Amino acid sequence: MSTLSPRTNAPAPRARPTRNRSISGLAMLTMVGSLSVALAVPAGAIPRDDETTTDETTTDETTTDETTTSETTTNTKKKSKRVGKVRDIACAPHVFFRVRSLQPRNFFIPRTRFIDGPGGEMTVSVTREHEVRAFIETENEKLKSITTDDVVRQLRQMLLPHLEVRHMVFVGHDYTQKISKGMYGNMWYRVFGYRVGWSAWQRLDNCRQVRVNTGIANIPSRVEGWRYWETKHPMFKGRILSSK
């Protein structure tokens, strides 16, 4: 019977893991963990420099646009209010006048017509007072709202400040004039004025213009004086008074 040798039959001792292997495994574990953290963060979660700048610029532009829009709206409202006020003033109901025609007219004073000649010299003078009054002729006689004072006042403001509703001629104003040989001298005292064709208009609330009345106004001015002319014969209103 054979006897087993203790050195031959004994189980082989377990080999111990070396230090290098343990370090390698730890390094792999560390890399796996780092990879897991890297994969867990989304690619777009970290903003880039250019993306951050773009967002800030967009915000600034949006704020600027909102400010500009607000200022434009405010200016538009102010302008609308101004236009509204001007329209209210322009469209306020009132009566205004228009001039259709304008011609000079002489208001001759009664009992100041003189004829002298032939030839020589003549001297004249105003010997009595007289009042010249403006008067109007209207197409619509039933409408009494337009008066002579209204017409004269409006014409003064428009273009003829020297017009008068009434003009008083006083005594005096002597005048001497030489008469041509063989001719007759004529003198007549007058007040200068105008014959005016006018129309009155009513402006309504909606800015519409309606003609109220039309007429003719004979209006004196504050200017007066003698008129002199010569004729071959003494005449009055186109008729010969005498052959000599």
Protein backbone atom coordinates (compact mmCIF):
# COMPACT_ATOMS: atom_id res chain seq x y z
CA MET A 1 0.00 0.00 0.00
CA SER A 2 1.42 3.21 -1.13
CA THR A 3 1.56 6.26 1.04
CA LEU A 4 0.68 9.68 -0.38
CA SER A 5 3.31 12.24 -0.17
CA PRO A 6 2.11 15.26 1.64
CA ARG A 7 3.99 17.59 -0.68
CA THR A 8 2.56 15.90 -3.82
CA ASN A 9 -1.10 15.40 -2.84
CA ALA A 10 -1.66 18.73 -1.04
CA PRO A 11 -3.97 21.21 -2.84
CA ALA A 12 -2.24 24.08 -4.52
CA PRO A 13 -2.45 27.40 -2.62
CA ARG A 14 -4.85 30.12 -4.08
CA ALA A 15 -3.07 32.86 -5.86
CA ARG A 16 -3.49 36.36 -4.39
CA PRO A 17 -4.63 39.15 -6.71
CA THR A 18 -1.89 41.50 -7.45
CA ARG A 19 -2.08 45.29 -6.63
CA ASN A 20 -1.84 46.27 -10.31
CA ARG A 21 -5.03 44.47 -11.15
CA SER A 22 -6.99 46.20 -8.39
CA ILE A 23 -5.83 49.63 -9.55
CA SER A 24 -6.84 48.85 -13.14
CA GLY A 25 -10.33 47.89 -12.07
CA LEU A 26 -10.74 51.05 -10.04
CA ALA A 27 -9.67 53.13 -13.00
CA MET A 28 -12.20 51.44 -15.23
CA LEU A 29 -14.96 52.03 -12.67
CA THR A 30 -14.01 55.68 -12.46
CA MET A 31 -14.13 56.07 -16.24
CA VAL A 32 -17.52 54.35 -16.41
CA GLY A 33 -18.89 56.74 -13.80
CA SER A 34 -17.55 59.76 -15.63
CA LEU A 35 -19.07 58.51 -18.87
CA SER A 36 -22.43 58.05 -17.15
CA VAL A 37 -22.36 61.63 -15.84
CA ALA A 38 -21.41 62.96 -19.25
CA LEU A 39 -24.24 61.05 -20.94
CA ALA A 40 -26.77 62.23 -18.35
CA VAL A 41 -26.29 65.94 -19.27
CA PRO A 42 -28.15 66.90 -22.50
CA ALA A 43 -26.07 68.32 -25.26
CA GLY A 44 -28.13 71.56 -25.46
CA ALA A 45 -28.26 72.20 -21.70
CA ILE A 46 -25.00 74.13 -21.67
CA PRO A 47 -25.48 77.42 -23.54
CA ARG A 48 -22.85 78.60 -25.90
CA ASP A 49 -21.37 82.07 -25.83
CA ASP A 50 -22.93 83.07 -29.14
CA GLU A 51 -26.39 81.83 -28.03
CA THR A 52 -26.24 83.87 -24.84
CA THR A 53 -25.28 87.02 -26.74
CA THR A 54 -28.10 86.54 -29.25
CA ASP A 55 -30.72 86.22 -26.51
CA GLU A 56 -29.53 89.39 -24.81
CA THR A 57 -29.53 91.30 -28.10
CA THR A 58 -33.05 90.12 -28.93
CA THR A 59 -34.28 91.27 -25.54
CA ASP A 60 -32.76 94.70 -26.03
CA GLU A 61 -34.26 95.01 -29.52
CA THR A 62 -37.68 93.99 -28.21
CA THR A 63 -37.51 96.62 -25.47
CA THR A 64 -36.49 99.29 -28.00
CA ASP A 65 -39.35 98.33 -30.34
CA GLU A 66 -41.86 98.50 -27.49
CA THR A 67 -40.56 101.96 -26.45
CA THR A 68 -40.72 103.28 -30.04
CA THR A 69 -44.24 101.92 -30.48
CA SER A 70 -45.35 103.56 -27.24
CA GLU A 71 -43.88 106.92 -28.25
CA THR A 72 -45.49 106.72 -31.70
CA THR A 73 -48.88 105.94 -30.16
CA THR A 74 -48.57 108.87 -27.75
CA ASN A 75 -47.59 111.29 -30.53
CA THR A 76 -50.47 110.07 -32.69
CA LYS A 77 -52.95 110.66 -29.86
CA LYS A 78 -51.61 114.18 -29.25
CA LYS A 79 -51.78 114.97 -32.97
CA SER A 80 -55.35 113.64 -33.16
CA LYS A 81 -56.36 115.85 -30.23
CA ARG A 82 -54.81 118.92 -31.88
CA VAL A 83 -56.53 118.18 -35.18
CA GLY A 84 -59.80 117.64 -33.34
CA LYS A 85 -59.52 121.00 -31.58
CA VAL A 86 -58.69 122.81 -34.83
CA ARG A 87 -61.65 121.13 -36.53
CA ASP A 88 -63.98 122.10 -33.67
CA ILE A 89 -62.89 125.73 -33.95
CA ALA A 90 -63.11 125.80 -37.76
CA CYS A 91 -66.52 124.10 -37.78
CA ALA A 92 -68.04 126.21 -35.03
CA PRO A 93 -71.40 127.53 -36.34
CA HIS A 94 -71.07 131.13 -37.54
CA VAL A 95 -71.94 133.46 -40.42
CA PHE A 96 -69.25 134.72 -42.80
CA PHE A 97 -69.24 136.84 -45.97
CA ARG A 98 -67.75 136.61 -49.44
CA VAL A 99 -67.18 139.44 -51.93
CA ARG A 100 -68.47 138.77 -55.44
CA SER A 101 -67.73 142.17 -57.00
CA LEU A 102 -66.16 145.48 -55.99
CA GLN A 103 -66.56 148.77 -57.91
CA PRO A 104 -65.79 152.40 -56.96
CA ARG A 105 -68.81 154.62 -56.41
CA ASN A 106 -69.24 158.36 -55.78
CA PHE A 107 -71.83 159.61 -53.31
CA PHE A 108 -72.54 163.10 -54.64
CA ILE A 109 -73.80 165.64 -52.13
CA PRO A 110 -77.06 167.42 -53.05
CA ARG A 111 -76.90 171.15 -53.88
CA THR A 112 -73.15 171.13 -54.47
CA ARG A 113 -73.29 170.97 -58.27
CA PHE A 114 -71.90 174.10 -59.99
CA ILE A 115 -71.24 175.07 -63.65
CA ASP A 116 -69.18 178.11 -64.68
CA GLY A 117 -67.72 179.37 -67.97
CA PRO A 118 -66.80 179.57 -70.69
CA GLY A 119 -63.26 180.12 -69.51
CA GLY A 120 -62.28 182.06 -66.45
CA GLU A 121 -62.02 180.74 -62.91
CA MET A 122 -64.47 179.22 -60.45
CA THR A 123 -64.45 178.98 -56.65
CA VAL A 124 -66.76 176.62 -54.77
CA SER A 125 -67.46 175.72 -51.14
CA VAL A 126 -69.63 173.34 -49.14
CA THR A 127 -72.34 175.47 -47.55
CA ARG A 128 -74.41 172.90 -45.69
CA GLU A 129 -73.88 169.69 -43.72
CA HIS A 130 -74.98 166.37 -45.09
CA GLU A 131 -74.86 162.74 -43.93
CA VAL A 132 -74.10 159.87 -46.27
CA ARG A 133 -75.30 156.48 -45.06
CA ALA A 134 -74.49 152.99 -46.28
CA PHE A 135 -77.38 150.86 -47.48
CA ILE A 136 -77.79 147.30 -48.75
CA GLU A 137 -80.05 145.60 -51.24
CA THR A 138 -80.76 141.92 -50.58
CA GLU A 139 -82.30 139.22 -52.74
CA ASN A 140 -84.22 137.78 -49.81
CA GLU A 141 -86.01 140.76 -48.29
CA LYS A 142 -87.80 138.58 -45.73
CA LEU A 143 -84.50 137.63 -44.08
CA LYS A 144 -83.77 140.41 -41.59
CA SER A 145 -80.86 138.73 -39.81
CA ILE A 146 -78.28 140.39 -42.13
CA THR A 147 -77.98 144.11 -41.43
CA THR A 148 -76.02 146.96 -42.98
CA ASP A 149 -73.77 147.09 -39.91
CA ASP A 150 -72.96 143.37 -40.33
CA VAL A 151 -71.94 143.80 -43.97
CA VAL A 152 -69.82 146.91 -43.36
CA ARG A 153 -68.08 145.34 -40.35
CA GLN A 154 -67.20 142.21 -42.31
CA LEU A 155 -65.90 144.20 -45.32
CA ARG A 156 -63.74 146.30 -43.00
CA GLN A 157 -62.11 143.18 -41.61
CA MET A 158 -61.65 141.59 -45.02
CA LEU A 159 -60.15 144.29 -47.25
CA LEU A 160 -61.59 147.83 -46.85
CA PRO A 161 -60.80 149.25 -43.39
CA HIS A 162 -61.74 152.85 -44.40
CA LEU A 163 -65.45 152.07 -44.96
CA GLU A 164 -68.10 153.71 -42.79
CA VAL A 165 -71.71 152.97 -42.03
CA ARG A 166 -72.36 156.74 -42.05
CA HIS A 167 -70.20 159.67 -43.11
CA MET A 168 -70.84 163.28 -42.13
CA VAL A 169 -69.95 166.12 -44.53
CA PHE A 170 -69.35 169.43 -42.75
CA VAL A 171 -69.43 173.00 -44.04
CA GLY A 172 -66.27 174.30 -45.66
CA HIS A 173 -63.70 172.91 -48.09
CA ASP A 174 -63.26 175.82 -50.49
CA TYR A 175 -61.80 175.03 -53.91
CA THR A 176 -60.63 177.21 -56.80
CA GLN A 177 -60.01 176.00 -60.35
CA LYS A 178 -59.06 177.74 -63.62
CA ILE A 179 -61.26 176.89 -66.60
CA SER A 180 -59.79 176.34 -70.05
CA LYS A 181 -60.61 178.96 -72.68
CA GLY A 182 -63.93 178.32 -74.39
CA MET A 183 -64.84 175.52 -72.00
CA TYR A 184 -67.29 175.21 -69.14
CA GLY A 185 -66.13 174.15 -65.73
CA ASN A 186 -68.18 171.67 -63.67
CA MET A 187 -67.87 171.05 -59.90
CA TRP A 188 -69.64 168.55 -57.70
CA TYR A 189 -68.82 167.57 -54.14
CA ARG A 190 -68.66 163.85 -53.40
CA VAL A 191 -67.83 161.18 -50.85
CA PHE A 192 -65.78 158.30 -52.19
CA GLY A 193 -67.10 154.78 -51.65
CA TYR A 194 -67.80 151.38 -53.18
CA ARG A 195 -70.58 149.30 -54.61
CA VAL A 196 -69.96 145.77 -53.32
CA GLY A 197 -71.61 142.54 -54.36
CA TRP A 198 -71.67 140.22 -51.32
CA SER A 199 -73.02 136.88 -50.15
CA ALA A 200 -73.59 135.64 -46.60
CA TRP A 201 -72.88 132.00 -45.66
CA GLN A 202 -73.71 129.88 -42.63
CA ARG A 203 -71.20 127.24 -41.46
CA LEU A 204 -72.85 124.25 -39.79
CA ASP A 205 -71.58 121.83 -37.13
CA ASN A 206 -70.48 119.33 -39.78
CA CYS A 207 -68.40 122.02 -41.58
CA ARG A 208 -70.95 122.26 -44.38
CA GLN A 209 -71.43 125.75 -45.86
CA VAL A 210 -74.90 127.02 -46.77
CA ARG A 211 -75.58 130.31 -48.54
CA VAL A 212 -77.96 132.42 -46.48
CA ASN A 213 -78.40 135.56 -48.57
CA THR A 214 -76.86 137.69 -51.33
CA GLY A 215 -77.08 141.36 -52.20
CA ILE A 216 -75.48 144.69 -53.10
CA ALA A 217 -74.02 147.16 -50.59
CA ASN A 218 -73.38 150.85 -51.28
CA ILE A 219 -70.90 151.97 -48.66
CA PRO A 220 -69.19 155.35 -48.21
CA SER A 221 -65.61 155.77 -47.04
CA ARG A 222 -64.06 158.46 -44.87
CA VAL A 223 -62.62 160.25 -47.96
CA GLU A 224 -64.37 163.19 -49.62
CA GLY A 225 -63.61 166.03 -52.07
CA TRP A 226 -64.56 168.02 -55.14
CA ARG A 227 -64.81 166.59 -58.62
CA TYR A 228 -63.92 168.86 -61.53
CA TRP A 229 -64.41 168.33 -65.28
CA GLU A 230 -64.94 170.45 -68.40
CA THR A 231 -67.52 170.39 -71.20
CA LYS A 232 -68.08 172.39 -74.39
CA HIS A 233 -71.59 173.25 -73.26
CA PRO A 234 -73.28 173.49 -69.88
CA MET A 235 -74.79 170.05 -69.36
CA PHE A 236 -76.68 168.07 -66.71
CA LYS A 237 -77.25 164.29 -66.84
CA GLY A 238 -76.23 164.15 -70.50
CA ARG A 239 -78.51 166.96 -71.64
CA ILE A 240 -77.31 170.33 -72.98
CA LEU A 241 -78.68 173.13 -70.82
CA SER A 242 -77.63 175.96 -73.13
CA SER A 243 -75.92 176.41 -76.50
CA LYS A 244 -73.81 179.26 -75.12
